Amino acid sequence: MNKSKQLFTHISSDGELTLSLVEVDVPKPKAHEIVVKMEASPINPSDMWPMFGPADLSKALLSDDKTVLTAPLYPGMLSRIKPRLDQTLPIGNEGAGVVVAAGDSEQAQALMGKTVAVLTGASYTQYCCVPVQACIVHHDGTTPHAAASSFVNPLTALGMVETMRMEGHTALVHTAAASSLGIMLNKVCIKEGVALVNIVRKQEQVDLLTKLGAKFVVNSSSESFKKDLYKAIDATGATLAFDAIGGGELAGDILATMEAVGSKEATGFNTYGSVDNKQVYIYGGLDFSPTLLNRAFGMTWSVGGWLLMRFLGKLKPARVGELYKRVADEINTTFAIESTVELSFEEAMTPEVIEKYNAKTTGGKYILNPNKG
């Protein structure tokens, strides 16, 4: 266990992406640290931008020994990633495995042999060294595969509901709602009796969420989308939305619909619109085009960004611990991964496989097992 293979990403100032599998030393854990043999690290959408940046992966080339992948950037994209140029960066936000070494502290020693999930930013490695505070300790019998996605999606789903309550809203709207995260959010909301409006783009996604028990699912590709969205927001009273799309008109359409519902019974001349705050948080970037706002929603509204780690930073440690415990308790139910494809390092670096997991399609999650093979 002296050496570990680890995946790194690098983008040069002359516009070339390099993805490299490198042999590194396994750090000796400090008193408060553990070393985890990684067996399952999901490839989330939030991993793919650090991993590939704006590279044209249709032109990717893999070295004969399958340890180095190169690809050119799309023209004109260098300025968007200037802060990261010419740096070799680790990748992989989260993952899970078994603790195989621990520092001297009682807290670290207590985790020997346990299955833990880690949040590290460097999980695409065979052996990962992290502080005990960066772990969710799972129950005996939970496999690393089941625990792989313990942080990003489960805590985002819980964080959305927590944000709703903290900011005085009573219902939610969620876009790209048939994702793995969207399925978890539906399970949380159904369990807690929170009204949730799901926006999807295909009829099969409507069917998927309806079968799960979702009451309000609207299809953005339908001719009746805006009418259907109005009915759903009117029925739920939702004034808070989380948008994974980012670009285009959808955020503005949601705000305009919230305003139409909020002012439907207004009488007389009203310049400023409904009094209830209408909030859209953009937390993803499936569409990198500009966010277009038609300003048809009065003056009591806001559009902002939402990031999981900054949200968790606002909570008291005890509350974060409660959320961690809930994830561990419900990892095989509420937060279960729907379906997965397990990849070795070699498979994850193959251009044909990259094309599949980088497509960000609904259903199925790709998981890297650094110790596979």
Protein backbone atom coordinates (compact mmCIF):
# COMPACT_ATOMS: atom_id res chain seq x y z
CA MET A 1 0.00 0.00 0.00
CA ASN A 2 2.97 2.34 -0.52
CA LYS A 3 1.84 3.32 -4.02
CA SER A 4 -1.50 4.36 -5.46
CA LYS A 5 -2.68 5.01 -9.01
CA GLN A 6 -4.49 8.33 -9.30
CA LEU A 7 -6.19 10.26 -12.08
CA PHE A 8 -5.18 13.89 -12.76
CA THR A 9 -6.36 16.53 -15.20
CA HIS A 10 -4.33 19.32 -16.81
CA ILE A 11 -5.21 22.03 -19.33
CA SER A 12 -2.33 23.88 -20.93
CA SER A 13 -2.33 27.54 -21.91
CA ASP A 14 -2.01 26.45 -25.53
CA GLY A 15 -5.40 24.75 -25.31
CA GLU A 16 -4.87 21.03 -24.73
CA LEU A 17 -6.49 18.80 -22.14
CA THR A 18 -4.41 15.97 -20.67
CA LEU A 19 -5.97 13.30 -18.49
CA SER A 20 -3.26 11.17 -16.85
CA LEU A 21 -3.18 8.04 -14.71
CA VAL A 22 -0.15 8.50 -12.45
CA GLU A 23 1.51 6.44 -9.72
CA VAL A 24 1.79 8.39 -6.47
CA ASP A 25 2.87 7.70 -2.89
CA VAL A 26 0.15 6.89 -0.37
CA PRO A 27 0.39 9.51 2.41
CA LYS A 28 1.00 8.35 5.97
CA PRO A 29 -2.14 9.41 7.87
CA LYS A 30 -1.83 12.13 10.50
CA ALA A 31 -3.50 11.65 13.87
CA HIS A 32 -6.92 12.79 12.63
CA GLU A 33 -6.74 11.11 9.20
CA ILE A 34 -7.61 7.76 7.63
CA VAL A 35 -6.55 5.97 4.44
CA VAL A 36 -9.43 4.51 2.43
CA LYS A 37 -9.08 1.80 -0.22
CA MET A 38 -11.44 3.30 -2.80
CA GLU A 39 -13.84 0.89 -4.45
CA ALA A 40 -16.57 3.16 -5.84
CA SER A 41 -16.37 6.79 -6.99
CA PRO A 42 -19.30 8.15 -9.01
CA ILE A 43 -18.73 10.21 -12.13
CA ASN A 44 -21.17 13.05 -11.43
CA PRO A 45 -21.93 15.98 -13.74
CA SER A 46 -20.09 18.12 -11.18
CA ASP A 47 -16.97 15.98 -11.79
CA MET A 48 -17.02 16.26 -15.57
CA TRP A 49 -16.29 19.98 -15.88
CA PRO A 50 -13.14 19.76 -13.70
CA MET A 51 -12.23 16.50 -15.43
CA PHE A 52 -12.59 17.58 -19.05
CA GLY A 53 -13.23 21.33 -19.09
CA PRO A 54 -14.34 22.62 -22.51
CA ALA A 55 -12.43 19.93 -24.41
CA ASP A 56 -13.63 18.57 -27.74
CA LEU A 57 -13.76 14.92 -26.70
CA SER A 58 -14.68 13.81 -30.22
CA LYS A 59 -11.00 14.43 -31.00
CA ALA A 60 -9.61 12.69 -27.91
CA LEU A 61 -6.61 10.38 -28.31
CA LEU A 62 -5.57 7.65 -25.84
CA SER A 63 -1.94 6.58 -25.51
CA ASP A 64 -0.93 3.01 -26.33
CA ASP A 65 -0.45 2.17 -22.65
CA LYS A 66 -3.91 3.66 -21.90
CA THR A 67 -2.61 6.03 -19.19
CA VAL A 68 -2.74 9.39 -21.01
CA LEU A 69 -5.69 10.91 -22.86
CA THR A 70 -5.36 14.19 -24.77
CA ALA A 71 -7.94 16.39 -26.49
CA PRO A 72 -7.99 19.96 -27.85
CA LEU A 73 -10.24 22.61 -26.33
CA TYR A 74 -13.08 24.08 -28.32
CA PRO A 75 -11.94 27.35 -29.93
CA GLY A 76 -12.39 30.51 -27.86
CA MET A 77 -12.84 28.70 -24.52
CA LEU A 78 -9.46 29.38 -22.88
CA SER A 79 -10.59 32.67 -21.32
CA ARG A 80 -13.38 30.88 -19.43
CA ILE A 81 -10.94 28.66 -17.53
CA LYS A 82 -7.97 31.00 -17.12
CA PRO A 83 -7.59 30.38 -13.33
CA ARG A 84 -6.91 26.65 -13.82
CA LEU A 85 -4.54 26.76 -16.80
CA ASP A 86 -1.18 24.95 -16.55
CA GLN A 87 -2.10 23.26 -13.26
CA THR A 88 -2.22 19.52 -12.65
CA LEU A 89 -5.34 18.86 -10.59
CA PRO A 90 -6.78 15.79 -8.84
CA ILE A 91 -10.40 14.89 -9.62
CA GLY A 92 -13.36 13.06 -8.12
CA ASN A 93 -15.61 14.79 -5.60
CA GLU A 94 -16.71 11.75 -3.64
CA GLY A 95 -16.55 8.00 -3.28
CA ALA A 96 -16.51 5.13 -0.85
CA GLY A 97 -14.30 2.31 0.32
CA VAL A 98 -12.90 0.54 3.36
CA VAL A 99 -10.54 2.12 5.91
CA VAL A 100 -7.20 0.30 5.75
CA ALA A 101 -5.00 2.64 7.82
CA ALA A 102 -5.66 5.27 10.47
CA GLY A 103 -3.90 7.95 12.46
CA ASP A 104 -3.28 7.75 16.18
CA SER A 105 -6.40 9.58 17.36
CA GLU A 106 -9.17 7.56 18.98
CA GLN A 107 -11.65 8.85 16.39
CA ALA A 108 -9.49 7.72 13.48
CA GLN A 109 -8.65 4.33 15.01
CA ALA A 110 -12.36 3.64 15.56
CA LEU A 111 -12.89 3.64 11.79
CA MET A 112 -10.43 0.83 10.96
CA GLY A 113 -12.17 -1.71 8.72
CA LYS A 114 -15.31 0.42 8.36
CA THR A 115 -17.00 1.28 5.09
CA VAL A 116 -16.95 5.06 4.74
CA ALA A 117 -17.93 7.60 2.13
CA VAL A 118 -15.53 10.49 1.63
CA LEU A 119 -15.77 13.99 0.23
CA THR A 120 -12.36 14.96 -1.01
CA GLY A 121 -12.05 16.35 -4.53
CA ALA A 122 -9.46 13.63 -5.19
CA SER A 123 -11.44 10.38 -5.04
CA TYR A 124 -10.31 8.96 -8.39
CA THR A 125 -7.46 7.13 -6.72
CA GLN A 126 -6.79 3.66 -5.34
CA TYR A 127 -5.97 4.91 -1.83
CA CYS A 128 -7.34 8.17 -0.48
CA CYS A 129 -6.15 9.94 2.68
CA VAL A 130 -8.75 12.22 4.30
CA PRO A 131 -9.59 13.74 7.70
CA VAL A 132 -12.23 11.84 9.66
CA GLN A 133 -14.45 14.93 9.45
CA ALA A 134 -14.71 14.40 5.66
CA CYS A 135 -16.37 10.99 6.10
CA ILE A 136 -19.81 9.50 6.44
CA VAL A 137 -19.47 6.27 8.39
CA HIS A 138 -21.83 3.62 7.07
CA HIS A 139 -23.54 0.79 8.87
CA ASP A 140 -22.12 -2.72 8.86
CA GLY A 141 -23.38 -4.50 5.76
CA THR A 142 -23.44 -1.39 3.56
CA THR A 143 -21.16 -1.95 0.58
CA PRO A 144 -18.83 0.71 -0.86
CA HIS A 145 -20.83 0.48 -4.08
CA ALA A 146 -24.05 1.37 -2.26
CA ALA A 147 -22.28 4.15 -0.34
CA ALA A 148 -20.54 5.65 -3.40
CA SER A 149 -22.95 8.57 -3.84
CA SER A 150 -23.37 9.60 -0.22
CA PHE A 151 -22.51 13.29 -0.47
CA VAL A 152 -23.29 15.17 -3.66
CA ASN A 153 -26.80 13.95 -4.50
CA PRO A 154 -28.22 12.98 -1.07
CA LEU A 155 -26.98 16.10 0.71
CA THR A 156 -28.08 18.31 -2.20
CA ALA A 157 -31.59 16.84 -2.00
CA LEU A 158 -31.70 17.32 1.77
CA GLY A 159 -30.11 20.77 1.41
CA MET A 160 -32.80 21.92 -1.01
CA VAL A 161 -35.56 21.03 1.44
CA GLU A 162 -33.56 22.56 4.31
CA THR A 163 -33.08 25.77 2.30
CA MET A 164 -36.81 25.89 1.58
CA ARG A 165 -37.60 25.80 5.29
CA MET A 166 -34.84 28.20 6.32
CA GLU A 167 -36.01 30.81 3.82
CA GLY A 168 -39.72 30.54 4.61
CA HIS A 169 -40.98 28.77 1.48
CA THR A 170 -43.40 25.85 1.60
CA ALA A 171 -42.96 24.06 -1.74
CA LEU A 172 -40.32 23.53 -4.43
CA VAL A 173 -39.80 23.53 -8.18
CA HIS A 174 -36.96 21.42 -9.61
CA THR A 175 -35.70 21.28 -13.21
CA ALA A 176 -34.00 18.35 -14.94
CA ALA A 177 -36.01 16.49 -12.34
CA ALA A 178 -35.62 12.93 -13.62
CA SER A 179 -31.92 12.82 -12.73
CA SER A 180 -30.53 10.62 -9.95
CA LEU A 181 -30.69 13.69 -7.72
CA GLY A 182 -34.24 14.41 -8.85
CA ILE A 183 -35.34 10.89 -7.93
CA MET A 184 -33.79 11.26 -4.47
CA LEU A 185 -35.45 14.67 -4.01
CA ASN A 186 -38.82 13.17 -4.88
CA LYS A 187 -38.33 10.42 -2.32
CA VAL A 188 -37.40 12.98 0.36
CA CYS A 189 -40.35 15.24 -0.48
CA ILE A 190 -42.85 12.38 -0.62
CA LYS A 191 -41.61 11.10 2.74
CA GLU A 192 -41.82 14.55 4.36
CA GLY A 193 -45.04 15.73 2.69
CA VAL A 194 -43.35 18.57 0.77
CA ALA A 195 -45.08 19.61 -2.46
CA LEU A 196 -42.64 19.36 -5.39
CA VAL A 197 -43.11 20.51 -8.98
CA ASN A 198 -40.91 18.47 -11.32
CA ILE A 199 -39.92 19.89 -14.71
CA VAL A 200 -38.67 17.31 -17.22
CA ARG A 201 -38.31 17.27 -21.03
CA LYS A 202 -39.57 13.86 -22.15
CA GLN A 203 -42.76 11.87 -21.66
CA GLU A 204 -40.83 8.82 -20.43
CA GLN A 205 -39.42 11.03 -17.66
CA VAL A 206 -42.95 12.08 -16.74
CA ASP A 207 -43.89 8.39 -16.54
CA LEU A 208 -40.79 7.57 -14.46
CA LEU A 209 -41.52 10.17 -11.78
CA THR A 210 -45.26 9.56 -11.77
CA LYS A 211 -44.62 5.86 -11.14
CA LEU A 212 -42.37 6.88 -8.25
CA GLY A 213 -45.30 8.75 -6.69
CA ALA A 214 -44.66 12.32 -7.82
CA LYS A 215 -47.90 14.34 -8.01
CA PHE A 216 -46.73 17.28 -10.12
CA VAL A 217 -44.63 16.54 -13.23
CA VAL A 218 -44.63 18.88 -16.24
CA ASN A 219 -42.99 18.35 -19.61
CA SER A 220 -41.10 21.39 -20.95
CA SER A 221 -41.30 20.02 -24.51
CA SER A 222 -45.10 19.89 -24.43
CA GLU A 223 -47.16 22.56 -26.22
CA SER A 224 -49.12 23.00 -22.99
CA PHE A 225 -46.00 23.39 -20.81
CA LYS A 226 -46.68 26.92 -19.55
CA LYS A 227 -50.31 26.12 -18.76
CA ASP A 228 -49.29 22.90 -17.01
CA LEU A 229 -46.60 24.74 -15.04
CA TYR A 230 -49.14 27.35 -13.95
CA LYS A 231 -51.53 24.66 -12.72
CA ALA A 232 -48.75 22.90 -10.77
CA ILE A 233 -47.42 26.07 -9.14
CA ASP A 234 -50.96 27.21 -8.39
CA ALA A 235 -51.72 23.86 -6.71
CA THR A 236 -48.54 23.83 -4.63
CA GLY A 237 -47.89 27.53 -3.95
CA ALA A 238 -44.22 27.00 -4.78
CA THR A 239 -42.12 30.17 -4.61
CA LEU A 240 -38.68 28.53 -4.63
CA ALA A 241 -37.01 26.73 -7.55
CA PHE A 242 -33.71 24.91 -8.03
CA ASP A 243 -32.56 24.99 -11.64
CA ALA A 244 -29.97 22.56 -13.01
CA ILE A 245 -30.20 23.97 -16.55
CA GLY A 246 -28.86 27.50 -16.03
CA GLY A 247 -29.08 28.86 -19.56
CA GLY A 248 -32.06 29.85 -21.67
CA GLU A 249 -35.53 31.04 -20.68
CA LEU A 250 -36.58 28.42 -18.14
CA ALA A 251 -35.61 30.33 -14.97
CA GLY A 252 -37.51 33.38 -16.26
CA ASP A 253 -40.52 31.24 -17.18
CA ILE A 254 -40.63 29.82 -13.66
CA LEU A 255 -40.47 33.27 -12.06
CA ALA A 256 -43.14 34.61 -14.44
CA THR A 257 -45.42 31.70 -13.59
CA MET A 258 -44.88 32.18 -9.86
CA GLU A 259 -45.79 35.85 -10.34
CA ALA A 260 -48.91 35.00 -12.35
CA VAL A 261 -50.07 32.68 -9.58
CA GLY A 262 -49.15 35.14 -6.82
CA SER A 263 -51.02 38.05 -8.40
CA LYS A 264 -54.03 36.18 -9.83
CA GLU A 265 -56.41 37.78 -7.34
CA ALA A 266 -54.84 41.26 -7.40
CA THR A 267 -57.15 44.18 -8.06
CA GLY A 268 -56.40 47.73 -9.09
CA PHE A 269 -53.17 49.12 -10.49
CA ASN A 270 -50.07 47.37 -9.13
CA THR A 271 -46.68 48.38 -10.49
CA TYR A 272 -44.58 46.11 -8.31
CA GLY A 273 -46.23 42.69 -8.51
CA SER A 274 -46.96 40.13 -5.81
CA VAL A 275 -45.45 40.58 -2.37
CA ASP A 276 -44.13 37.04 -1.79
CA ASN A 277 -40.49 36.60 -2.73
CA LYS A 278 -39.93 34.38 -5.76
CA GLN A 279 -36.51 32.74 -5.77
CA VAL A 280 -34.68 30.67 -8.37
CA TYR A 281 -31.36 29.12 -7.40
CA ILE A 282 -29.19 27.97 -10.32
CA TYR A 283 -27.11 25.03 -9.11
CA GLY A 284 -26.07 23.43 -12.40
CA GLY A 285 -25.01 24.30 -15.94
CA LEU A 286 -26.51 21.80 -18.35
CA ASP A 287 -27.02 24.77 -20.71
CA PHE A 288 -24.07 27.20 -20.83
CA SER A 289 -25.92 29.81 -22.88
CA PRO A 290 -26.97 33.11 -21.19
CA THR A 291 -29.77 33.04 -18.63
CA LEU A 292 -32.62 35.01 -20.19
CA LEU A 293 -35.04 36.87 -17.89
CA ASN A 294 -38.11 38.50 -19.40
CA ARG A 295 -38.75 40.56 -16.24
CA ALA A 296 -42.45 39.73 -16.20
CA PHE A 297 -42.45 38.95 -12.49
CA GLY A 298 -42.77 42.18 -10.53
CA MET A 299 -40.08 43.44 -8.19
CA THR A 300 -39.97 40.82 -5.43
CA TRP A 301 -37.75 38.14 -6.89
CA SER A 302 -34.20 36.90 -6.98
CA VAL A 303 -31.97 34.67 -9.08
CA GLY A 304 -28.76 33.38 -7.53
CA GLY A 305 -26.35 30.49 -7.33
CA TRP A 306 -26.54 27.61 -4.85
CA LEU A 307 -23.62 25.37 -3.94
CA LEU A 308 -23.82 22.42 -1.58
CA MET A 309 -20.58 23.06 0.31
CA ARG A 310 -21.37 26.73 0.91
CA PHE A 311 -24.83 25.76 2.12
CA LEU A 312 -23.44 23.16 4.53
CA GLY A 313 -21.02 25.82 5.81
CA LYS A 314 -24.01 27.82 7.05
CA LEU A 315 -25.24 24.96 9.25
CA LYS A 316 -24.14 24.14 12.78
CA PRO A 317 -21.87 21.06 12.97
CA ALA A 318 -24.52 19.15 14.91
CA ARG A 319 -27.04 19.66 12.11
CA VAL A 320 -24.54 18.53 9.50
CA GLY A 321 -23.97 15.41 11.60
CA GLU A 322 -27.72 14.75 11.63
CA LEU A 323 -27.84 14.97 7.84
CA TYR A 324 -24.86 12.61 7.56
CA LYS A 325 -26.59 10.10 9.82
CA ARG A 326 -29.77 10.26 7.77
CA VAL A 327 -27.80 9.50 4.60
CA ALA A 328 -26.21 6.46 6.27
CA ASP A 329 -29.57 5.27 7.62
CA GLU A 330 -31.33 5.58 4.25
CA ILE A 331 -28.53 4.78 1.79
CA ASN A 332 -30.30 1.64 0.57
CA THR A 333 -33.76 3.25 0.36
CA THR A 334 -34.21 7.00 -0.12
CA PHE A 335 -30.67 7.51 -1.41
CA ALA A 336 -30.15 4.24 -3.25
CA ILE A 337 -28.39 4.50 -6.62
CA GLU A 338 -30.94 3.48 -9.23
CA SER A 339 -28.59 1.70 -11.66
CA THR A 340 -24.87 1.76 -12.26
CA VAL A 341 -22.11 0.80 -14.63
CA GLU A 342 -18.80 0.05 -12.90
CA LEU A 343 -15.64 1.16 -14.72
CA SER A 344 -11.95 0.47 -14.23
CA PHE A 345 -9.43 3.27 -14.75
CA GLU A 346 -8.71 1.91 -18.23
CA GLU A 347 -12.40 1.81 -19.15
CA ALA A 348 -13.01 5.31 -17.76
CA MET A 349 -10.27 6.71 -20.01
CA THR A 350 -11.51 5.04 -23.20
CA PRO A 351 -12.95 7.67 -25.60
CA GLU A 352 -15.96 5.51 -26.53
CA VAL A 353 -16.89 5.08 -22.84
CA ILE A 354 -16.25 8.76 -22.05
CA GLU A 355 -18.75 9.67 -24.78
CA LYS A 356 -21.40 7.63 -22.94
CA TYR A 357 -20.92 8.96 -19.41
CA ASN A 358 -20.24 12.53 -20.52
CA ALA A 359 -23.62 12.64 -22.28
CA LYS A 360 -25.34 13.28 -18.90
CA THR A 361 -28.42 11.33 -19.90
CA THR A 362 -31.25 10.42 -17.56
CA GLY A 363 -30.97 7.07 -15.80
CA GLY A 364 -27.87 5.06 -15.04
CA LYS A 365 -24.83 6.28 -13.18
CA TYR A 366 -21.24 5.48 -14.03
CA ILE A 367 -19.03 4.57 -11.10
CA LEU A 368 -15.26 4.32 -11.18
CA ASN A 369 -13.74 1.48 -9.17
CA PRO A 370 -10.05 2.48 -8.91
CA ASN A 371 -9.15 -1.00 -7.69
CA LYS A 372 -11.08 -2.91 -10.35
CA GLY A 373 -8.72 -5.23 -12.19
